[in-house]
Amino acid sequence: MLRRYWDPFEEIRHLQREMDRLFADFFGETTAIEERRGAYAPAIDMYETDENIVVKAELPGFKPEDVDISVTEDSVIIQGETKEEEEVKKENFYRKERRIGRIYRRIDLPKPVVPDKSEAVYKNGILTLTLPKAKPEKLEGIKIKIKEEK
Protein backbone atom coordinates (compact mmCIF):
# COMPACT_ATOMS: atom_id res chain seq x y z
CA MET A 1 0.00 0.00 0.00
CA LEU A 2 1.36 3.40 -1.00
CA ARG A 3 1.14 5.91 1.84
CA ARG A 4 0.76 9.51 0.91
CA TYR A 5 2.01 12.08 3.37
CA TRP A 6 0.28 15.39 3.89
CA ASP A 7 1.96 18.31 2.16
CA PRO A 8 0.77 21.60 3.68
CA PHE A 9 1.81 23.53 0.57
CA GLU A 10 -0.16 21.29 -1.80
CA GLU A 11 -3.40 22.96 -0.71
CA ILE A 12 -1.88 26.42 -1.28
CA ARG A 13 -0.65 25.43 -4.77
CA HIS A 14 -4.10 24.01 -5.56
CA LEU A 15 -5.74 27.24 -4.36
CA GLN A 16 -3.35 29.31 -6.52
CA ARG A 17 -4.13 27.19 -9.61
CA GLU A 18 -7.86 27.60 -8.98
CA MET A 19 -7.48 31.38 -8.52
CA ASP A 20 -5.46 31.55 -11.77
CA ARG A 21 -8.19 29.59 -13.54
CA LEU A 22 -10.88 31.88 -12.09
CA PHE A 23 -9.05 35.03 -13.25
CA ALA A 24 -8.30 33.45 -16.62
CA ASP A 25 -11.98 32.64 -17.10
CA PHE A 26 -13.00 36.12 -15.99
CA PHE A 27 -10.43 38.05 -18.06
CA GLY A 28 -10.56 35.62 -20.97
CA GLU A 29 -6.88 34.74 -21.32
CA THR A 30 -4.37 32.72 -19.37
CA THR A 31 -1.48 34.69 -20.88
CA ALA A 32 -2.71 37.93 -19.27
CA ILE A 33 -2.35 36.33 -15.84
CA GLU A 34 1.13 35.04 -16.67
CA GLU A 35 2.25 38.48 -17.93
CA ARG A 36 1.10 40.15 -14.72
CA ARG A 37 2.90 37.60 -12.62
CA GLY A 38 5.98 37.76 -14.83
CA ALA A 39 8.22 34.93 -15.86
CA TYR A 40 8.01 31.60 -14.10
CA ALA A 41 11.00 29.72 -12.75
CA PRO A 42 11.60 26.22 -14.09
CA ALA A 43 12.20 23.41 -11.59
CA ILE A 44 15.84 22.36 -11.23
CA ASP A 45 18.06 19.68 -9.74
CA MET A 46 21.65 20.60 -8.87
CA TYR A 47 24.41 18.27 -7.75
CA GLU A 48 28.18 18.04 -7.61
CA THR A 49 30.61 15.46 -8.99
CA ASP A 50 34.37 15.37 -8.48
CA GLU A 51 34.94 17.67 -11.46
CA ASN A 52 31.63 19.51 -12.11
CA ILE A 53 28.55 21.21 -10.79
CA VAL A 54 25.58 19.81 -12.75
CA VAL A 55 22.28 21.67 -13.10
CA LYS A 56 19.23 20.05 -14.72
CA ALA A 57 16.23 22.25 -15.55
CA GLU A 58 12.78 21.19 -16.75
CA LEU A 59 11.98 23.05 -19.99
CA PRO A 60 9.24 21.03 -21.71
CA GLY A 61 8.06 22.47 -25.00
CA PHE A 62 11.12 24.66 -25.50
CA LYS A 63 13.45 24.56 -28.46
CA PRO A 64 17.17 25.12 -27.78
CA GLU A 65 17.05 28.38 -29.75
CA ASP A 66 14.31 29.66 -27.37
CA VAL A 67 16.62 29.51 -24.34
CA ASP A 68 19.50 31.78 -23.30
CA ILE A 69 22.01 30.67 -20.70
CA SER A 70 24.51 32.96 -18.96
CA VAL A 71 27.20 31.52 -16.71
CA THR A 72 29.47 33.46 -14.36
CA GLU A 73 31.90 32.07 -11.79
CA ASP A 74 29.21 31.96 -9.11
CA SER A 75 25.82 31.84 -10.85
CA VAL A 76 23.77 30.67 -13.82
CA ILE A 77 20.86 32.49 -15.44
CA ILE A 78 18.41 30.52 -17.58
CA GLN A 79 15.87 32.57 -19.49
CA GLY A 80 13.71 32.13 -22.54
CA GLU A 81 10.29 32.31 -24.06
CA THR A 82 7.91 29.88 -25.68
CA LYS A 83 4.82 30.69 -27.69
CA GLU A 84 1.59 28.93 -28.63
CA GLU A 85 2.11 26.12 -31.13
CA GLU A 86 -1.20 26.74 -32.87
CA GLU A 87 -4.02 29.20 -32.59
CA VAL A 88 -7.12 27.67 -31.01
CA LYS A 89 -10.17 29.73 -30.14
CA LYS A 90 -10.59 30.02 -26.40
CA GLU A 91 -14.20 28.86 -26.52
CA ASN A 92 -12.98 25.51 -27.93
CA PHE A 93 -10.79 24.81 -24.88
CA TYR A 94 -11.92 22.50 -22.12
CA ARG A 95 -8.75 22.99 -20.14
CA LYS A 96 -5.56 25.02 -20.55
CA GLU A 97 -2.84 24.10 -18.07
CA ARG A 98 0.40 24.00 -20.08
CA ARG A 99 2.63 26.96 -19.40
CA ILE A 100 3.65 29.26 -22.18
CA GLY A 101 5.48 32.52 -21.89
CA ARG A 102 8.70 33.65 -20.31
CA ILE A 103 10.97 31.74 -17.98
CA TYR A 104 13.70 33.16 -15.78
CA ARG A 105 15.79 31.46 -13.15
CA ARG A 106 18.96 32.69 -11.45
CA ILE A 107 20.83 29.94 -9.66
CA ASP A 108 23.59 30.71 -7.17
CA LEU A 109 26.29 28.07 -7.39
CA PRO A 110 27.80 26.46 -4.28
CA LYS A 111 31.37 26.65 -5.66
CA PRO A 112 33.14 28.74 -8.33
CA VAL A 113 33.04 27.34 -11.89
CA VAL A 114 34.87 28.02 -15.17
CA PRO A 115 32.24 29.74 -17.35
CA ASP A 116 33.99 29.34 -20.72
CA LYS A 117 34.35 25.55 -20.26
CA SER A 118 30.65 25.04 -19.44
CA GLU A 119 28.43 22.85 -21.62
CA ALA A 120 24.68 22.63 -22.18
CA VAL A 121 22.69 19.69 -23.56
CA TYR A 122 18.93 19.68 -24.18
CA LYS A 123 17.14 16.32 -24.45
CA ASN A 124 13.53 15.27 -23.86
CA GLY A 125 12.58 18.60 -22.27
CA ILE A 126 15.50 18.59 -19.82
CA LEU A 127 18.34 21.09 -20.05
CA THR A 128 21.55 19.73 -18.51
CA LEU A 129 24.33 22.19 -17.69
CA THR A 130 27.76 20.79 -16.88
CA LEU A 131 29.86 23.44 -15.17
CA PRO A 132 33.51 22.55 -14.48
CA LYS A 133 34.58 23.53 -10.98
CA ALA A 134 37.36 26.09 -10.76
CA LYS A 135 40.58 24.74 -9.33
CA PRO A 136 41.55 26.54 -6.14
CA GLU A 137 44.78 28.42 -6.52
CA LYS A 138 47.54 27.06 -4.37
CA LEU A 139 48.90 29.82 -2.23
CA GLU A 140 52.56 29.74 -1.33
CA GLY A 141 53.03 29.90 2.40
CA ILE A 142 55.36 32.55 3.76
CA LYS A 143 56.96 32.65 7.16
CA ILE A 144 56.24 35.63 9.32
CA LYS A 145 58.58 36.50 12.11
CA ILE A 146 56.81 37.16 15.36
CA LYS A 147 57.96 40.18 17.35
CA GLU A 148 57.66 40.16 21.06
CA GLU A 149 55.99 43.28 22.39
CA LYS A 150 57.56 44.81 25.49
C-alpha atoms as a PDB file:
ATOM      1  CA  MET A   1       0.000   0.000   0.000  1.00  0.00           C
ATOM      2  CA  LEU A   2       1.357   3.404  -0.999  1.00  0.00           C
ATOM      3  CA  ARG A   3       1.144   5.906   1.837  1.00  0.00           C
ATOM      4  CA  ARG A   4       0.762   9.509   0.912  1.00  0.00           C
ATOM      5  CA  TYR A   5       2.014  12.084   3.368  1.00  0.00           C
ATOM      6  CA  TRP A   6       0.282  15.389   3.892  1.00  0.00           C
ATOM      7  CA  ASP A   7       1.961  18.309   2.162  1.00  0.00           C
ATOM      8  CA  PRO A   8       0.770  21.603   3.678  1.00  0.00           C
ATOM      9  CA  PHE A   9       1.814  23.528   0.568  1.00  0.00           C
ATOM     10  CA  GLU A  10      -0.158  21.287  -1.797  1.00  0.00           C
ATOM     11  CA  GLU A  11      -3.400  22.963  -0.713  1.00  0.00           C
ATOM     12  CA  ILE A  12      -1.877  26.418  -1.279  1.00  0.00           C
ATOM     13  CA  ARG A  13      -0.655  25.427  -4.769  1.00  0.00           C
ATOM     14  CA  HIS A  14      -4.103  24.012  -5.557  1.00  0.00           C
ATOM     15  CA  LEU A  15      -5.741  27.244  -4.364  1.00  0.00           C
ATOM     16  CA  GLN A  16      -3.346  29.312  -6.517  1.00  0.00           C
ATOM     17  CA  ARG A  17      -4.133  27.185  -9.608  1.00  0.00           C
ATOM     18  CA  GLU A  18      -7.858  27.600  -8.980  1.00  0.00           C
ATOM     19  CA  MET A  19      -7.481  31.375  -8.524  1.00  0.00           C
ATOM     20  CA  ASP A  20      -5.461  31.549 -11.765  1.00  0.00           C
ATOM     21  CA  ARG A  21      -8.186  29.588 -13.537  1.00  0.00           C
ATOM     22  CA  LEU A  22     -10.881  31.883 -12.089  1.00  0.00           C
ATOM     23  CA  PHE A  23      -9.049  35.026 -13.249  1.00  0.00           C
ATOM     24  CA  ALA A  24      -8.302  33.449 -16.621  1.00  0.00           C
ATOM     25  CA  ASP A  25     -11.979  32.644 -17.100  1.00  0.00           C
ATOM     26  CA  PHE A  26     -12.998  36.124 -15.990  1.00  0.00           C
ATOM     27  CA  PHE A  27     -10.435  38.054 -18.062  1.00  0.00           C
ATOM     28  CA  GLY A  28     -10.564  35.619 -20.965  1.00  0.00           C
ATOM     29  CA  GLU A  29      -6.881  34.736 -21.315  1.00  0.00           C
ATOM     30  CA  THR A  30      -4.371  32.722 -19.375  1.00  0.00           C
ATOM     31  CA  THR A  31      -1.484  34.691 -20.879  1.00  0.00           C
ATOM     32  CA  ALA A  32      -2.711  37.931 -19.274  1.00  0.00           C
ATOM     33  CA  ILE A  33      -2.345  36.332 -15.844  1.00  0.00           C
ATOM     34  CA  GLU A  34       1.131  35.043 -16.673  1.00  0.00           C
ATOM     35  CA  GLU A  35       2.254  38.475 -17.929  1.00  0.00           C
ATOM     36  CA  ARG A  36       1.101  40.148 -14.720  1.00  0.00           C
ATOM     37  CA  ARG A  37       2.896  37.596 -12.615  1.00  0.00           C
ATOM     38  CA  GLY A  38       5.976  37.764 -14.834  1.00  0.00           C
ATOM     39  CA  ALA A  39       8.217  34.927 -15.863  1.00  0.00           C
ATOM     40  CA  TYR A  40       8.008  31.601 -14.101  1.00  0.00           C
ATOM     41  CA  ALA A  41      11.005  29.722 -12.745  1.00  0.00           C
ATOM     42  CA  PRO A  42      11.597  26.220 -14.088  1.00  0.00           C
ATOM     43  CA  ALA A  43      12.196  23.414 -11.590  1.00  0.00           C
ATOM     44  CA  ILE A  44      15.836  22.359 -11.229  1.00  0.00           C
ATOM     45  CA  ASP A  45      18.056  19.680  -9.743  1.00  0.00           C
ATOM     46  CA  MET A  46      21.652  20.595  -8.868  1.00  0.00           C
ATOM     47  CA  TYR A  47      24.408  18.269  -7.747  1.00  0.00           C
ATOM     48  CA  GLU A  48      28.180  18.038  -7.608  1.00  0.00           C
ATOM     49  CA  THR A  49      30.606  15.460  -8.991  1.00  0.00           C
ATOM     50  CA  ASP A  50      34.372  15.369  -8.479  1.00  0.00           C
ATOM     51  CA  GLU A  51      34.936  17.674 -11.457  1.00  0.00           C
ATOM     52  CA  ASN A  52      31.633  19.509 -12.107  1.00  0.00           C
ATOM     53  CA  ILE A  53      28.552  21.210 -10.791  1.00  0.00           C
ATOM     54  CA  VAL A  54      25.578  19.813 -12.747  1.00  0.00           C
ATOM     55  CA  VAL A  55      22.278  21.673 -13.104  1.00  0.00           C
ATOM     56  CA  LYS A  56      19.232  20.051 -14.718  1.00  0.00           C
ATOM     57  CA  ALA A  57      16.232  22.251 -15.548  1.00  0.00           C
ATOM     58  CA  GLU A  58      12.783  21.193 -16.751  1.00  0.00           C
ATOM     59  CA  LEU A  59      11.981  23.049 -19.986  1.00  0.00           C
ATOM     60  CA  PRO A  60       9.244  21.026 -21.705  1.00  0.00           C
ATOM     61  CA  GLY A  61       8.062  22.472 -24.998  1.00  0.00           C
ATOM     62  CA  PHE A  62      11.116  24.661 -25.499  1.00  0.00           C
ATOM     63  CA  LYS A  63      13.454  24.556 -28.459  1.00  0.00           C
ATOM     64  CA  PRO A  64      17.171  25.121 -27.784  1.00  0.00           C
ATOM     65  CA  GLU A  65      17.053  28.377 -29.749  1.00  0.00           C
ATOM     66  CA  ASP A  66      14.309  29.661 -27.369  1.00  0.00           C
ATOM     67  CA  VAL A  67      16.616  29.505 -24.340  1.00  0.00           C
ATOM     68  CA  ASP A  68      19.502  31.778 -23.303  1.00  0.00           C
ATOM     69  CA  ILE A  69      22.011  30.673 -20.699  1.00  0.00           C
ATOM     70  CA  SER A  70      24.513  32.963 -18.957  1.00  0.00           C
ATOM     71  CA  VAL A  71      27.203  31.523 -16.709  1.00  0.00           C
ATOM     72  CA  THR A  72      29.468  33.457 -14.357  1.00  0.00           C
ATOM     73  CA  GLU A  73      31.899  32.070 -11.791  1.00  0.00           C
ATOM     74  CA  ASP A  74      29.214  31.964  -9.114  1.00  0.00           C
ATOM     75  CA  SER A  75      25.820  31.842 -10.847  1.00  0.00           C
ATOM     76  CA  VAL A  76      23.768  30.666 -13.820  1.00  0.00           C
ATOM     77  CA  ILE A  77      20.864  32.490 -15.444  1.00  0.00           C
ATOM     78  CA  ILE A  78      18.406  30.522 -17.576  1.00  0.00           C
ATOM     79  CA  GLN A  79      15.870  32.575 -19.495  1.00  0.00           C
ATOM     80  CA  GLY A  80      13.712  32.127 -22.541  1.00  0.00           C
ATOM     81  CA  GLU A  81      10.287  32.315 -24.056  1.00  0.00           C
ATOM     82  CA  THR A  82       7.913  29.878 -25.676  1.00  0.00           C
ATOM     83  CA  LYS A  83       4.818  30.692 -27.691  1.00  0.00           C
ATOM     84  CA  GLU A  84       1.592  28.927 -28.633  1.00  0.00           C
ATOM     85  CA  GLU A  85       2.108  26.116 -31.132  1.00  0.00           C
ATOM     86  CA  GLU A  86      -1.197  26.742 -32.869  1.00  0.00           C
ATOM     87  CA  GLU A  87      -4.024  29.198 -32.595  1.00  0.00           C
ATOM     88  CA  VAL A  88      -7.120  27.674 -31.009  1.00  0.00           C
ATOM     89  CA  LYS A  89     -10.175  29.733 -30.140  1.00  0.00           C
ATOM     90  CA  LYS A  90     -10.595  30.019 -26.400  1.00  0.00           C
ATOM     91  CA  GLU A  91     -14.203  28.855 -26.517  1.00  0.00           C
ATOM     92  CA  ASN A  92     -12.980  25.512 -27.935  1.00  0.00           C
ATOM     93  CA  PHE A  93     -10.794  24.813 -24.877  1.00  0.00           C
ATOM     94  CA  TYR A  94     -11.921  22.501 -22.119  1.00  0.00           C
ATOM     95  CA  ARG A  95      -8.749  22.989 -20.139  1.00  0.00           C
ATOM     96  CA  LYS A  96      -5.560  25.016 -20.550  1.00  0.00           C
ATOM     97  CA  GLU A  97      -2.837  24.102 -18.073  1.00  0.00           C
ATOM     98  CA  ARG A  98       0.400  23.998 -20.077  1.00  0.00           C
ATOM     99  CA  ARG A  99       2.632  26.963 -19.402  1.00  0.00           C
ATOM    100  CA  ILE A 100       3.645  29.261 -22.176  1.00  0.00           C
ATOM    101  CA  GLY A 101       5.482  32.520 -21.893  1.00  0.00           C
ATOM    102  CA  ARG A 102       8.698  33.652 -20.306  1.00  0.00           C
ATOM    103  CA  ILE A 103      10.968  31.737 -17.976  1.00  0.00           C
ATOM    104  CA  TYR A 104      13.698  33.165 -15.782  1.00  0.00           C
ATOM    105  CA  ARG A 105      15.790  31.458 -13.146  1.00  0.00           C
ATOM    106  CA  ARG A 106      18.962  32.685 -11.454  1.00  0.00           C
ATOM    107  CA  ILE A 107      20.834  29.941  -9.657  1.00  0.00           C
ATOM    108  CA  ASP A 108      23.585  30.715  -7.169  1.00  0.00           C
ATOM    109  CA  LEU A 109      26.285  28.068  -7.386  1.00  0.00           C
ATOM    110  CA  PRO A 110      27.800  26.462  -4.278  1.00  0.00           C
ATOM    111  CA  LYS A 111      31.366  26.650  -5.658  1.00  0.00           C
ATOM    112  CA  PRO A 112      33.138  28.736  -8.327  1.00  0.00           C
ATOM    113  CA  VAL A 113      33.039  27.335 -11.886  1.00  0.00           C
ATOM    114  CA  VAL A 114      34.873  28.017 -15.166  1.00  0.00           C
ATOM    115  CA  PRO A 115      32.241  29.738 -17.355  1.00  0.00           C
ATOM    116  CA  ASP A 116      33.993  29.336 -20.724  1.00  0.00           C
ATOM    117  CA  LYS A 117      34.348  25.552 -20.258  1.00  0.00           C
ATOM    118  CA  SER A 118      30.654  25.035 -19.436  1.00  0.00           C
ATOM    119  CA  GLU A 119      28.429  22.853 -21.625  1.00  0.00           C
ATOM    120  CA  ALA A 120      24.676  22.635 -22.179  1.00  0.00           C
ATOM    121  CA  VAL A 121      22.689  19.689 -23.563  1.00  0.00           C
ATOM    122  CA  TYR A 122      18.934  19.676 -24.178  1.00  0.00           C
ATOM    123  CA  LYS A 123      17.145  16.325 -24.447  1.00  0.00           C
ATOM    124  CA  ASN A 124      13.532  15.270 -23.855  1.00  0.00           C
ATOM    125  CA  GLY A 125      12.577  18.603 -22.266  1.00  0.00           C
ATOM    126  CA  ILE A 126      15.498  18.590 -19.819  1.00  0.00           C
ATOM    127  CA  LEU A 127      18.342  21.089 -20.050  1.00  0.00           C
ATOM    128  CA  THR A 128      21.555  19.728 -18.506  1.00  0.00           C
ATOM    129  CA  LEU A 129      24.334  22.191 -17.694  1.00  0.00           C
ATOM    130  CA  THR A 130      27.760  20.787 -16.884  1.00  0.00           C
ATOM    131  CA  LEU A 131      29.860  23.442 -15.173  1.00  0.00           C
ATOM    132  CA  PRO A 132      33.510  22.547 -14.477  1.00  0.00           C
ATOM    133  CA  LYS A 133      34.579  23.533 -10.981  1.00  0.00           C
ATOM    134  CA  ALA A 134      37.362  26.092 -10.763  1.00  0.00           C
ATOM    135  CA  LYS A 135      40.579  24.739  -9.327  1.00  0.00           C
ATOM    136  CA  PRO A 136      41.549  26.537  -6.138  1.00  0.00           C
ATOM    137  CA  GLU A 137      44.784  28.418  -6.524  1.00  0.00           C
ATOM    138  CA  LYS A 138      47.544  27.057  -4.373  1.00  0.00           C
ATOM    139  CA  LEU A 139      48.903  29.816  -2.226  1.00  0.00           C
ATOM    140  CA  GLU A 140      52.559  29.738  -1.330  1.00  0.00           C
ATOM    141  CA  GLY A 141      53.033  29.899   2.401  1.00  0.00           C
ATOM    142  CA  ILE A 142      55.361  32.547   3.759  1.00  0.00           C
ATOM    143  CA  LYS A 143      56.957  32.654   7.158  1.00  0.00           C
ATOM    144  CA  ILE A 144      56.243  35.631   9.324  1.00  0.00           C
ATOM    145  CA  LYS A 145      58.585  36.501  12.114  1.00  0.00           C
ATOM    146  CA  ILE A 146      56.805  37.163  15.364  1.00  0.00           C
ATOM    147  CA  LYS A 147      57.961  40.180  17.347  1.00  0.00           C
ATOM    148  CA  GLU A 148      57.656  40.161  21.058  1.00  0.00           C
ATOM    149  CA  GLU A 149      55.990  43.278  22.386  1.00  0.00           C
ATOM    150  CA  LYS A 150      57.555  44.811  25.489  1.00  0.00           C
END
